Amino acid sequence: MKKSLTSTSLAIFITGCLLIILILSGVGKAADYEIAISQFVEHPSLDKARQGFIDQLAQLGYKKGENLTIDFQNAQADFATAQTIAQKIKQSQPDLVLAIATPSAQTAANIIKNTPILITAVTDPVAAGLAASLEEPGRNVSGTTDMNPVAKQLELIKEILPDIKNLGVLYNSGEVNSVVQIDLVKAKTKKMGINLVEATVSNSSEVSLAAASLVDKVAAIYVPTDNIIVSAMPTVLQIASAKKIPVFSSENNSVEQGAIATLGIDYYQLGRQTARMAVEVLKGKDPSGMAIQSSQDLKLYLNQKTAEKIGLAIPANILNEADQIFN
């Protein structure tokens, strides 16, 4: 009988110790979270926005594989796939959705109504139907916009090519973000006395022919932050370079690939900015009352190697002002 009591007491003691260990191990431990990321297409700018988001979350204590699960899905520039991704995310019910680029943001917002959504690399959230206003979105969507300084970018082209008469523009007419930018381009080039020559596409397979249709008609090509065109930028650059036509982009990663220049934002930093908003949402803040933020940190990027290759002399004052020159 005594032996039985001793065994029972020992079992109770061990069980009690295990309970204490379990309780103490949970003290101070951050809650586990799940974030679903829907990205429309992979190209350097969007990839850097995503990486900046993940890196900043880690710095703020939300680390993938530890207290954070990230489900990344890429639509490969296909609208139907973006819708399928949004449906899957809706069913999985994560704590937060990050939608990268306008088409993915639109499909996510149309399908996912009860989960907070943050957007990034979206040019005009209001025109895209994602928010009532930038100041107060009024729904489960907030985040960051990559609206370009279109007028300043066109002025940069004029500084580098002061005698330009005809400017080509290449974009997907089905992307609302591109159409918004092109409207700004039309208004600005009209004031500048520059003739605008348009070439549009509806998918990536049309980019090569569209670019080829421009090079004999223009002195330069301007590419907005268009997901289809930017994802096919190597093709555009190859066709333009063969005719010694400079390509001006709206984001720095295309300049690194071979475009001549841009005055634009840093997408990695835009992703980090979005991550700081994500932490607020994970802590309980309602996106509907969070203002959609924009990047005010514009930088001048130049590609001197491409300029030399096509025989273009970039003015010394612009070279001196550059934040980064790719050689």
C-alpha atoms as a PDB file:
ATOM      1  CA  MET A   1       0.000   0.000   0.000  1.00  0.00           C
ATOM      2  CA  LYS A   2       2.828   2.354   0.906  1.00  0.00           C
ATOM      3  CA  LYS A   3       4.589   1.544  -2.343  1.00  0.00           C
ATOM      4  CA  SER A   4       1.413   2.339  -4.305  1.00  0.00           C
ATOM      5  CA  LEU A   5       1.032   5.723  -2.600  1.00  0.00           C
ATOM      6  CA  THR A   6       4.648   6.549  -3.333  1.00  0.00           C
ATOM      7  CA  SER A   7       4.182   5.751  -7.026  1.00  0.00           C
ATOM      8  CA  THR A   8       1.001   7.826  -7.172  1.00  0.00           C
ATOM      9  CA  SER A   9       2.694  10.786  -5.475  1.00  0.00           C
ATOM     10  CA  LEU A  10       5.617  10.558  -7.883  1.00  0.00           C
ATOM     11  CA  ALA A  11       3.276  10.521 -10.877  1.00  0.00           C
ATOM     12  CA  ILE A  12       1.400  13.553  -9.558  1.00  0.00           C
ATOM     13  CA  PHE A  13       4.692  15.371  -8.940  1.00  0.00           C
ATOM     14  CA  ILE A  14       5.977  14.662 -12.468  1.00  0.00           C
ATOM     15  CA  THR A  15       2.657  15.719 -14.018  1.00  0.00           C
ATOM     16  CA  GLY A  16       2.736  18.939 -12.029  1.00  0.00           C
ATOM     17  CA  CYS A  17       6.272  19.702 -13.180  1.00  0.00           C
ATOM     18  CA  LEU A  18       5.320  19.119 -16.806  1.00  0.00           C
ATOM     19  CA  LEU A  19       2.352  21.478 -16.476  1.00  0.00           C
ATOM     20  CA  ILE A  20       4.572  24.171 -14.972  1.00  0.00           C
ATOM     21  CA  ILE A  21       7.095  23.771 -17.804  1.00  0.00           C
ATOM     22  CA  LEU A  22       4.350  24.053 -20.414  1.00  0.00           C
ATOM     23  CA  ILE A  23       2.925  27.165 -18.769  1.00  0.00           C
ATOM     24  CA  LEU A  24       6.314  28.842 -18.404  1.00  0.00           C
ATOM     25  CA  SER A  25       7.309  28.001 -21.984  1.00  0.00           C
ATOM     26  CA  GLY A  26       4.306  29.978 -23.215  1.00  0.00           C
ATOM     27  CA  VAL A  27       5.123  33.089 -21.197  1.00  0.00           C
ATOM     28  CA  GLY A  28       6.412  35.901 -23.420  1.00  0.00           C
ATOM     29  CA  LYS A  29       6.071  33.843 -26.570  1.00  0.00           C
ATOM     30  CA  ALA A  30       4.587  35.754 -29.507  1.00  0.00           C
ATOM     31  CA  ALA A  31       1.402  34.426 -31.023  1.00  0.00           C
ATOM     32  CA  ASP A  32       1.676  32.529 -34.278  1.00  0.00           C
ATOM     33  CA  TYR A  33       0.382  34.288 -37.393  1.00  0.00           C
ATOM     34  CA  GLU A  34      -0.347  33.344 -40.975  1.00  0.00           C
ATOM     35  CA  ILE A  35       0.045  35.766 -43.879  1.00  0.00           C
ATOM     36  CA  ALA A  36      -1.010  34.912 -47.420  1.00  0.00           C
ATOM     37  CA  ILE A  37       0.806  36.717 -50.241  1.00  0.00           C
ATOM     38  CA  SER A  38      -0.783  36.984 -53.680  1.00  0.00           C
ATOM     39  CA  GLN A  39       1.560  38.395 -56.338  1.00  0.00           C
ATOM     40  CA  PHE A  40       0.396  38.968 -59.910  1.00  0.00           C
ATOM     41  CA  VAL A  41       3.677  38.249 -61.668  1.00  0.00           C
ATOM     42  CA  GLU A  42       7.342  37.842 -60.812  1.00  0.00           C
ATOM     43  CA  HIS A  43       9.611  40.676 -61.890  1.00  0.00           C
ATOM     44  CA  PRO A  44      12.377  42.463 -59.950  1.00  0.00           C
ATOM     45  CA  SER A  45      10.313  45.367 -58.589  1.00  0.00           C
ATOM     46  CA  LEU A  46       7.496  43.210 -57.231  1.00  0.00           C
ATOM     47  CA  ASP A  47       9.950  40.613 -55.937  1.00  0.00           C
ATOM     48  CA  LYS A  48      11.865  43.290 -54.051  1.00  0.00           C
ATOM     49  CA  ALA A  49       8.657  44.677 -52.554  1.00  0.00           C
ATOM     50  CA  ARG A  50       7.823  41.188 -51.283  1.00  0.00           C
ATOM     51  CA  GLN A  51      11.310  40.627 -49.896  1.00  0.00           C
ATOM     52  CA  GLY A  52      11.328  44.015 -48.186  1.00  0.00           C
ATOM     53  CA  PHE A  53       8.001  43.119 -46.570  1.00  0.00           C
ATOM     54  CA  ILE A  54       9.316  39.794 -45.247  1.00  0.00           C
ATOM     55  CA  ASP A  55      12.641  41.260 -44.078  1.00  0.00           C
ATOM     56  CA  GLN A  56      11.005  44.125 -42.199  1.00  0.00           C
ATOM     57  CA  LEU A  57       8.545  41.763 -40.507  1.00  0.00           C
ATOM     58  CA  ALA A  58      11.494  39.679 -39.308  1.00  0.00           C
ATOM     59  CA  GLN A  59      13.195  42.771 -37.895  1.00  0.00           C
ATOM     60  CA  LEU A  60       9.992  43.574 -36.030  1.00  0.00           C
ATOM     61  CA  GLY A  61       9.837  40.102 -34.483  1.00  0.00           C
ATOM     62  CA  TYR A  62       7.584  38.275 -36.954  1.00  0.00           C
ATOM     63  CA  LYS A  63       9.898  35.614 -38.349  1.00  0.00           C
ATOM     64  CA  LYS A  64       9.005  33.130 -41.039  1.00  0.00           C
ATOM     65  CA  GLY A  65       9.364  29.579 -39.748  1.00  0.00           C
ATOM     66  CA  GLU A  66       9.264  30.663 -36.108  1.00  0.00           C
ATOM     67  CA  ASN A  67       6.129  32.590 -35.211  1.00  0.00           C
ATOM     68  CA  LEU A  68       4.994  33.358 -38.749  1.00  0.00           C
ATOM     69  CA  THR A  69       3.743  31.233 -41.635  1.00  0.00           C
ATOM     70  CA  ILE A  70       3.816  32.781 -45.110  1.00  0.00           C
ATOM     71  CA  ASP A  71       1.863  31.265 -47.985  1.00  0.00           C
ATOM     72  CA  PHE A  72       3.174  32.784 -51.231  1.00  0.00           C
ATOM     73  CA  GLN A  73       1.220  32.405 -54.472  1.00  0.00           C
ATOM     74  CA  ASN A  74       2.181  33.810 -57.900  1.00  0.00           C
ATOM     75  CA  ALA A  75      -0.455  34.269 -60.629  1.00  0.00           C
ATOM     76  CA  GLN A  76       2.140  34.310 -63.449  1.00  0.00           C
ATOM     77  CA  ALA A  77       0.406  37.338 -65.018  1.00  0.00           C
ATOM     78  CA  ASP A  78      -2.838  35.397 -65.462  1.00  0.00           C
ATOM     79  CA  PHE A  79      -6.049  37.042 -64.216  1.00  0.00           C
ATOM     80  CA  ALA A  80      -7.935  33.742 -63.868  1.00  0.00           C
ATOM     81  CA  THR A  81      -5.103  32.338 -61.755  1.00  0.00           C
ATOM     82  CA  ALA A  82      -5.189  35.440 -59.566  1.00  0.00           C
ATOM     83  CA  GLN A  83      -8.883  34.787 -58.924  1.00  0.00           C
ATOM     84  CA  THR A  84      -8.218  31.146 -58.060  1.00  0.00           C
ATOM     85  CA  ILE A  85      -5.508  32.224 -55.629  1.00  0.00           C
ATOM     86  CA  ALA A  86      -7.892  34.672 -53.958  1.00  0.00           C
ATOM     87  CA  GLN A  87     -10.524  31.938 -53.569  1.00  0.00           C
ATOM     88  CA  LYS A  88      -7.984  29.620 -51.922  1.00  0.00           C
ATOM     89  CA  ILE A  89      -6.860  32.383 -49.576  1.00  0.00           C
ATOM     90  CA  LYS A  90     -10.469  33.088 -48.612  1.00  0.00           C
ATOM     91  CA  GLN A  91     -10.934  29.436 -47.645  1.00  0.00           C
ATOM     92  CA  SER A  92      -7.687  29.272 -45.650  1.00  0.00           C
ATOM     93  CA  GLN A  93      -8.626  32.338 -43.549  1.00  0.00           C
ATOM     94  CA  PRO A  94      -5.152  33.755 -42.773  1.00  0.00           C
ATOM     95  CA  ASP A  95      -4.604  36.614 -40.335  1.00  0.00           C
ATOM     96  CA  LEU A  96      -3.590  38.981 -43.136  1.00  0.00           C
ATOM     97  CA  VAL A  97      -3.374  39.096 -46.925  1.00  0.00           C
ATOM     98  CA  LEU A  98      -0.653  40.950 -48.840  1.00  0.00           C
ATOM     99  CA  ALA A  99      -1.667  41.610 -52.458  1.00  0.00           C
ATOM    100  CA  ILE A 100       1.181  42.723 -54.717  1.00  0.00           C
ATOM    101  CA  ALA A 101       0.305  44.661 -57.909  1.00  0.00           C
ATOM    102  CA  THR A 102      -3.070  46.008 -59.022  1.00  0.00           C
ATOM    103  CA  PRO A 103      -4.647  42.880 -60.624  1.00  0.00           C
ATOM    104  CA  SER A 104      -3.935  40.720 -57.572  1.00  0.00           C
ATOM    105  CA  ALA A 105      -5.134  43.489 -55.274  1.00  0.00           C
ATOM    106  CA  GLN A 106      -8.398  43.809 -57.210  1.00  0.00           C
ATOM    107  CA  THR A 107      -9.138  40.078 -57.212  1.00  0.00           C
ATOM    108  CA  ALA A 108      -8.283  39.769 -53.521  1.00  0.00           C
ATOM    109  CA  ALA A 109     -10.489  42.713 -52.570  1.00  0.00           C
ATOM    110  CA  ASN A 110     -13.391  41.444 -54.688  1.00  0.00           C
ATOM    111  CA  ILE A 111     -13.327  37.961 -53.184  1.00  0.00           C
ATOM    112  CA  ILE A 112     -11.951  38.296 -49.641  1.00  0.00           C
ATOM    113  CA  LYS A 113     -14.267  40.413 -47.512  1.00  0.00           C
ATOM    114  CA  ASN A 114     -13.603  39.365 -43.911  1.00  0.00           C
ATOM    115  CA  THR A 115      -9.797  39.280 -43.750  1.00  0.00           C
ATOM    116  CA  PRO A 116      -7.554  42.373 -43.591  1.00  0.00           C
ATOM    117  CA  ILE A 117      -5.827  43.042 -46.916  1.00  0.00           C
ATOM    118  CA  LEU A 118      -2.731  45.168 -47.421  1.00  0.00           C
ATOM    119  CA  ILE A 119      -1.718  46.139 -50.938  1.00  0.00           C
ATOM    120  CA  THR A 120       1.598  47.265 -52.357  1.00  0.00           C
ATOM    121  CA  ALA A 121       2.915  48.232 -55.802  1.00  0.00           C
ATOM    122  CA  VAL A 122      -0.567  49.484 -56.728  1.00  0.00           C
ATOM    123  CA  THR A 123      -0.508  52.699 -58.751  1.00  0.00           C
ATOM    124  CA  ASP A 124      -3.951  54.172 -58.074  1.00  0.00           C
ATOM    125  CA  PRO A 125      -5.978  52.327 -55.406  1.00  0.00           C
ATOM    126  CA  VAL A 126      -8.972  54.640 -55.821  1.00  0.00           C
ATOM    127  CA  ALA A 127      -9.202  54.283 -59.616  1.00  0.00           C
ATOM    128  CA  ALA A 128      -8.747  50.523 -59.189  1.00  0.00           C
ATOM    129  CA  GLY A 129     -11.821  50.423 -56.950  1.00  0.00           C
ATOM    130  CA  LEU A 130      -9.831  49.345 -53.915  1.00  0.00           C
ATOM    131  CA  ALA A 131     -10.516  52.337 -51.686  1.00  0.00           C
ATOM    132  CA  ALA A 132     -12.998  55.173 -51.320  1.00  0.00           C
ATOM    133  CA  SER A 133     -10.063  57.529 -50.777  1.00  0.00           C
ATOM    134  CA  LEU A 134      -6.375  57.316 -49.931  1.00  0.00           C
ATOM    135  CA  GLU A 135      -7.019  58.935 -46.550  1.00  0.00           C
ATOM    136  CA  GLU A 136      -9.847  56.575 -45.518  1.00  0.00           C
ATOM    137  CA  PRO A 137     -10.153  53.409 -47.622  1.00  0.00           C
ATOM    138  CA  GLY A 138     -13.470  52.532 -45.982  1.00  0.00           C
ATOM    139  CA  ARG A 139     -13.123  48.750 -46.348  1.00  0.00           C
ATOM    140  CA  ASN A 140     -10.820  45.898 -45.346  1.00  0.00           C
ATOM    141  CA  VAL A 141      -8.045  47.230 -47.609  1.00  0.00           C
ATOM    142  CA  SER A 142      -5.089  49.559 -47.001  1.00  0.00           C
ATOM    143  CA  GLY A 143      -1.371  49.522 -47.814  1.00  0.00           C
ATOM    144  CA  THR A 144       1.042  51.403 -50.052  1.00  0.00           C
ATOM    145  CA  THR A 145       0.917  52.878 -53.550  1.00  0.00           C
ATOM    146  CA  ASP A 146       3.714  53.119 -56.108  1.00  0.00           C
ATOM    147  CA  MET A 147       2.205  56.014 -58.070  1.00  0.00           C
ATOM    148  CA  ASN A 148       4.961  57.381 -60.277  1.00  0.00           C
ATOM    149  CA  PRO A 149       6.098  60.982 -60.614  1.00  0.00           C
ATOM    150  CA  VAL A 150       5.137  60.743 -64.303  1.00  0.00           C
ATOM    151  CA  ALA A 151       5.622  64.438 -65.069  1.00  0.00           C
ATOM    152  CA  LYS A 152       9.101  64.464 -63.524  1.00  0.00           C
ATOM    153  CA  GLN A 153      10.057  61.297 -65.391  1.00  0.00           C
ATOM    154  CA  LEU A 154       9.056  62.864 -68.701  1.00  0.00           C
ATOM    155  CA  GLU A 155      10.982  66.018 -67.844  1.00  0.00           C
ATOM    156  CA  LEU A 156      14.019  63.802 -67.243  1.00  0.00           C
ATOM    157  CA  ILE A 157      13.628  62.343 -70.741  1.00  0.00           C
ATOM    158  CA  LYS A 158      13.526  65.875 -72.155  1.00  0.00           C
ATOM    159  CA  GLU A 159      16.692  66.811 -70.253  1.00  0.00           C
ATOM    160  CA  ILE A 160      18.552  63.833 -71.680  1.00  0.00           C
ATOM    161  CA  LEU A 161      17.000  64.177 -75.158  1.00  0.00           C
ATOM    162  CA  PRO A 162      16.286  67.910 -75.545  1.00  0.00           C
ATOM    163  CA  ASP A 163      15.380  67.603 -79.247  1.00  0.00           C
ATOM    164  CA  ILE A 164      12.945  64.703 -78.877  1.00  0.00           C
ATOM    165  CA  LYS A 165       9.858  65.003 -81.087  1.00  0.00           C
ATOM    166  CA  ASN A 166       8.302  61.528 -80.951  1.00  0.00           C
ATOM    167  CA  LEU A 167       8.056  59.408 -77.799  1.00  0.00           C
ATOM    168  CA  GLY A 168       6.821  55.828 -77.836  1.00  0.00           C
ATOM    169  CA  VAL A 169       4.870  54.344 -74.951  1.00  0.00           C
ATOM    170  CA  LEU A 170       4.296  50.647 -74.391  1.00  0.00           C
ATOM    171  CA  TYR A 171       1.598  49.345 -72.024  1.00  0.00           C
ATOM    172  CA  ASN A 172      -1.185  46.860 -71.334  1.00  0.00           C
ATOM    173  CA  SER A 173      -4.502  48.587 -72.019  1.00  0.00           C
ATOM    174  CA  GLY A 174      -6.241  46.079 -69.731  1.00  0.00           C
ATOM    175  CA  GLU A 175      -4.428  47.187 -66.576  1.00  0.00           C
ATOM    176  CA  VAL A 176      -6.138  50.110 -64.866  1.00  0.00           C
ATOM    177  CA  ASN A 177      -2.853  51.149 -63.239  1.00  0.00           C
ATOM    178  CA  SER A 178      -1.271  51.520 -66.688  1.00  0.00           C
ATOM    179  CA  VAL A 179      -4.211  53.441 -68.139  1.00  0.00           C
ATOM    180  CA  VAL A 180      -4.065  55.912 -65.234  1.00  0.00           C
ATOM    181  CA  GLN A 181      -0.383  56.559 -65.931  1.00  0.00           C
ATOM    182  CA  ILE A 182      -0.877  56.876 -69.688  1.00  0.00           C
ATOM    183  CA  ASP A 183      -3.552  59.524 -69.142  1.00  0.00           C
ATOM    184  CA  LEU A 184      -0.947  61.495 -67.187  1.00  0.00           C
ATOM    185  CA  VAL A 185       1.630  60.895 -69.926  1.00  0.00           C
ATOM    186  CA  LYS A 186      -0.758  62.199 -72.598  1.00  0.00           C
ATOM    187  CA  ALA A 187      -1.490  65.370 -70.646  1.00  0.00           C
ATOM    188  CA  LYS A 188       2.186  66.073 -69.939  1.00  0.00           C
ATOM    189  CA  THR A 189       3.549  65.325 -73.430  1.00  0.00           C
ATOM    190  CA  LYS A 190       0.879  67.588 -74.921  1.00  0.00           C
ATOM    191  CA  LYS A 191       2.145  70.457 -72.769  1.00  0.00           C
ATOM    192  CA  MET A 192       5.726  69.625 -73.715  1.00  0.00           C
ATOM    193  CA  GLY A 193       4.980  69.561 -77.447  1.00  0.00           C
ATOM    194  CA  ILE A 194       6.006  65.922 -77.800  1.00  0.00           C
ATOM    195  CA  ASN A 195       4.099  63.576 -80.101  1.00  0.00           C
ATOM    196  CA  LEU A 196       3.082  60.390 -78.294  1.00  0.00           C
ATOM    197  CA  VAL A 197       3.063  57.096 -80.214  1.00  0.00           C
ATOM    198  CA  GLU A 198       1.219  54.293 -78.415  1.00  0.00           C
ATOM    199  CA  ALA A 199       1.599  50.521 -78.646  1.00  0.00           C
ATOM    200  CA  THR A 200      -0.634  48.349 -76.478  1.00  0.00           C
ATOM    201  CA  VAL A 201      -0.688  44.672 -75.518  1.00  0.00           C
ATOM    202  CA  SER A 202      -3.098  42.373 -73.713  1.00  0.00           C
ATOM    203  CA  ASN A 203      -0.607  39.669 -72.720  1.00  0.00           C
ATOM    204  CA  SER A 204       3.129  39.011 -72.608  1.00  0.00           C
ATOM    205  CA  SER A 205       3.211  37.185 -75.962  1.00  0.00           C
ATOM    206  CA  GLU A 206       2.379  40.463 -77.730  1.00  0.00           C
ATOM    207  CA  VAL A 207       5.208  42.513 -76.208  1.00  0.00           C
ATOM    208  CA  SER A 208       7.817  41.694 -78.851  1.00  0.00           C
ATOM    209  CA  LEU A 209       5.667  42.788 -81.800  1.00  0.00           C
ATOM    210  CA  ALA A 210       4.456  45.890 -79.973  1.00  0.00           C
ATOM    211  CA  ALA A 211       8.008  46.987 -79.172  1.00  0.00           C
ATOM    212  CA  ALA A 212       9.129  46.313 -82.744  1.00  0.00           C
ATOM    213  CA  SER A 213       6.283  48.472 -84.048  1.00  0.00           C
ATOM    214  CA  LEU A 214       7.644  51.490 -82.158  1.00  0.00           C
ATOM    215  CA  VAL A 215      11.383  51.535 -82.774  1.00  0.00           C
ATOM    216  CA  ASP A 216      11.237  52.968 -86.306  1.00  0.00           C
ATOM    217  CA  LYS A 217       8.791  55.715 -85.338  1.00  0.00           C
ATOM    218  CA  VAL A 218      10.218  57.243 -82.160  1.00  0.00           C
ATOM    219  CA  ALA A 219      13.364  58.681 -80.590  1.00  0.00           C
ATOM    220  CA  ALA A 220      12.772  56.947 -77.251  1.00  0.00           C
ATOM    221  CA  ILE A 221      10.355  54.579 -75.498  1.00  0.00           C
ATOM    222  CA  TYR A 222       8.754  55.177 -72.097  1.00  0.00           C
ATOM    223  CA  VAL A 223       7.472  52.236 -70.040  1.00  0.00           C
ATOM    224  CA  PRO A 224       5.130  52.872 -67.085  1.00  0.00           C
ATOM    225  CA  THR A 225       4.881  50.508 -64.110  1.00  0.00           C
ATOM    226  CA  ASP A 226       2.964  48.003 -66.196  1.00  0.00           C
ATOM    227  CA  ASN A 227       3.184  44.429 -64.894  1.00  0.00           C
ATOM    228  CA  ILE A 228       3.057  42.733 -68.302  1.00  0.00           C
ATOM    229  CA  ILE A 229       5.636  45.015 -69.949  1.00  0.00           C
ATOM    230  CA  VAL A 230       8.027  45.139 -66.997  1.00  0.00           C
ATOM    231  CA  SER A 231       8.016  41.344 -66.697  1.00  0.00           C
ATOM    232  CA  ALA A 232       9.084  41.247 -70.377  1.00  0.00           C
ATOM    233  CA  MET A 233      11.558  44.129 -70.111  1.00  0.00           C
ATOM    234  CA  PRO A 234      14.563  42.111 -71.397  1.00  0.00           C
ATOM    235  CA  THR A 235      12.666  41.611 -74.675  1.00  0.00           C
ATOM    236  CA  VAL A 236      11.840  45.315 -74.971  1.00  0.00           C
ATOM    237  CA  LEU A 237      15.434  46.299 -74.232  1.00  0.00           C
ATOM    238  CA  GLN A 238      16.862  43.877 -76.771  1.00  0.00           C
ATOM    239  CA  ILE A 239      14.611  45.154 -79.568  1.00  0.00           C
ATOM    240  CA  ALA A 240      15.215  48.817 -78.729  1.00  0.00           C
ATOM    241  CA  SER A 241      18.971  48.388 -78.312  1.00  0.00           C
ATOM    242  CA  ALA A 242      19.286  46.842 -81.775  1.00  0.00           C
ATOM    243  CA  LYS A 243      17.937  50.119 -83.197  1.00  0.00           C
ATOM    244  CA  LYS A 244      19.854  52.259 -80.666  1.00  0.00           C
ATOM    245  CA  ILE A 245      16.589  53.554 -79.193  1.00  0.00           C
ATOM    246  CA  PRO A 246      16.800  54.468 -75.482  1.00  0.00           C
ATOM    247  CA  VAL A 247      14.178  53.017 -73.147  1.00  0.00           C
ATOM    248  CA  PHE A 248      13.121  55.033 -70.097  1.00  0.00           C
ATOM    249  CA  SER A 249      11.413  53.134 -67.304  1.00  0.00           C
ATOM    250  CA  SER A 250       9.323  54.011 -64.275  1.00  0.00           C
ATOM    251  CA  GLU A 251      11.199  51.856 -61.774  1.00  0.00           C
ATOM    252  CA  ASN A 252      14.824  51.321 -60.853  1.00  0.00           C
ATOM    253  CA  ASN A 253      15.068  47.592 -61.481  1.00  0.00           C
ATOM    254  CA  SER A 254      14.454  48.062 -65.203  1.00  0.00           C
ATOM    255  CA  VAL A 255      17.318  50.563 -65.262  1.00  0.00           C
ATOM    256  CA  GLU A 256      19.527  47.939 -63.672  1.00  0.00           C
ATOM    257  CA  GLN A 257      18.470  45.585 -66.487  1.00  0.00           C
ATOM    258  CA  GLY A 258      19.349  48.101 -69.195  1.00  0.00           C
ATOM    259  CA  ALA A 259      16.846  50.954 -69.412  1.00  0.00           C
ATOM    260  CA  ILE A 260      18.556  54.359 -69.609  1.00  0.00           C
ATOM    261  CA  ALA A 261      17.114  56.156 -66.604  1.00  0.00           C
ATOM    262  CA  THR A 262      14.289  56.785 -64.189  1.00  0.00           C
ATOM    263  CA  LEU A 263      13.361  58.975 -61.292  1.00  0.00           C
ATOM    264  CA  GLY A 264      11.508  56.539 -59.092  1.00  0.00           C
ATOM    265  CA  ILE A 265      10.915  54.798 -55.814  1.00  0.00           C
ATOM    266  CA  ASP A 266      12.763  51.945 -54.137  1.00  0.00           C
ATOM    267  CA  TYR A 267      10.428  48.936 -54.138  1.00  0.00           C
ATOM    268  CA  TYR A 268      12.350  47.134 -51.410  1.00  0.00           C
ATOM    269  CA  GLN A 269      11.766  50.091 -49.105  1.00  0.00           C
ATOM    270  CA  LEU A 270       8.112  50.221 -50.191  1.00  0.00           C
ATOM    271  CA  GLY A 271       7.757  46.617 -49.037  1.00  0.00           C
ATOM    272  CA  ARG A 272       9.329  47.468 -45.689  1.00  0.00           C
ATOM    273  CA  GLN A 273       6.931  50.385 -45.326  1.00  0.00           C
ATOM    274  CA  THR A 274       4.013  48.011 -45.950  1.00  0.00           C
ATOM    275  CA  ALA A 275       5.331  45.579 -43.334  1.00  0.00           C
ATOM    276  CA  ARG A 276       5.220  48.267 -40.666  1.00  0.00           C
ATOM    277  CA  MET A 277       1.541  48.719 -41.482  1.00  0.00           C
ATOM    278  CA  ALA A 278       1.087  44.933 -41.324  1.00  0.00           C
ATOM    279  CA  VAL A 279       2.288  44.832 -37.736  1.00  0.00           C
ATOM    280  CA  GLU A 280      -0.342  47.407 -36.800  1.00  0.00           C
ATOM    281  CA  VAL A 281      -3.022  45.254 -38.429  1.00  0.00           C
ATOM    282  CA  LEU A 282      -1.803  42.086 -36.702  1.00  0.00           C
ATOM    283  CA  LYS A 283      -2.078  43.956 -33.415  1.00  0.00           C
ATOM    284  CA  GLY A 284      -5.712  44.720 -34.139  1.00  0.00           C
ATOM    285  CA  LYS A 285      -5.852  47.930 -36.160  1.00  0.00           C
ATOM    286  CA  ASP A 286      -8.672  48.160 -38.719  1.00  0.00           C
ATOM    287  CA  PRO A 287      -7.388  48.751 -42.297  1.00  0.00           C
ATOM    288  CA  SER A 288     -10.542  50.669 -43.233  1.00  0.00           C
ATOM    289  CA  GLY A 289      -9.313  53.643 -41.221  1.00  0.00           C
ATOM    290  CA  MET A 290      -5.628  53.393 -42.156  1.00  0.00           C
ATOM    291  CA  ALA A 291      -4.503  55.871 -44.813  1.00  0.00           C
ATOM    292  CA  ILE A 292      -2.895  54.332 -47.898  1.00  0.00           C
ATOM    293  CA  GLN A 293       0.719  55.487 -47.876  1.00  0.00           C
ATOM    294  CA  SER A 294       3.055  56.482 -50.689  1.00  0.00           C
ATOM    295  CA  SER A 295       6.834  56.660 -50.894  1.00  0.00           C
ATOM    296  CA  GLN A 296       8.279  60.151 -50.872  1.00  0.00           C
ATOM    297  CA  ASP A 297      11.854  58.945 -51.324  1.00  0.00           C
ATOM    298  CA  LEU A 298      12.526  59.461 -55.042  1.00  0.00           C
ATOM    299  CA  LYS A 299      15.925  58.553 -56.461  1.00  0.00           C
ATOM    300  CA  LEU A 300      17.613  59.090 -59.819  1.00  0.00           C
ATOM    301  CA  TYR A 301      18.902  55.907 -61.457  1.00  0.00           C
ATOM    302  CA  LEU A 302      21.036  55.820 -64.624  1.00  0.00           C
ATOM    303  CA  ASN A 303      22.557  53.075 -66.751  1.00  0.00           C
ATOM    304  CA  GLN A 304      25.786  54.404 -68.226  1.00  0.00           C
ATOM    305  CA  LYS A 305      26.683  51.064 -69.805  1.00  0.00           C
ATOM    306  CA  THR A 306      23.536  51.098 -71.949  1.00  0.00           C
ATOM    307  CA  ALA A 307      24.034  54.768 -72.816  1.00  0.00           C
ATOM    308  CA  GLU A 308      27.528  54.053 -74.134  1.00  0.00           C
ATOM    309  CA  LYS A 309      26.312  50.978 -76.009  1.00  0.00           C
ATOM    310  CA  ILE A 310      23.724  52.939 -78.004  1.00  0.00           C
ATOM    311  CA  GLY A 311      25.872  56.070 -78.325  1.00  0.00           C
ATOM    312  CA  LEU A 312      23.836  58.296 -76.007  1.00  0.00           C
ATOM    313  CA  ALA A 313      25.628  61.035 -74.060  1.00  0.00           C
ATOM    314  CA  ILE A 314      23.974  61.694 -70.701  1.00  0.00           C
ATOM    315  CA  PRO A 315      24.517  65.340 -69.643  1.00  0.00           C
ATOM    316  CA  ALA A 316      27.131  65.822 -66.918  1.00  0.00           C
ATOM    317  CA  ASN A 317      24.719  67.589 -64.560  1.00  0.00           C
ATOM    318  CA  ILE A 318      22.385  64.585 -64.614  1.00  0.00           C
ATOM    319  CA  LEU A 319      25.264  62.175 -64.026  1.00  0.00           C
ATOM    320  CA  ASN A 320      26.312  64.265 -61.033  1.00  0.00           C
ATOM    321  CA  GLU A 321      22.791  64.193 -59.579  1.00  0.00           C
ATOM    322  CA  ALA A 322      22.343  60.421 -59.911  1.00  0.00           C
ATOM    323  CA  ASP A 323      21.781  58.401 -56.749  1.00  0.00           C
ATOM    324  CA  GLN A 324      22.910  55.224 -58.485  1.00  0.00           C
ATOM    325  CA  ILE A 325      24.672  54.602 -61.795  1.00  0.00           C
ATOM    326  CA  PHE A 326      24.790  51.116 -63.275  1.00  0.00           C
ATOM    327  CA  ASN A 327      28.023  50.524 -65.191  1.00  0.00           C
END
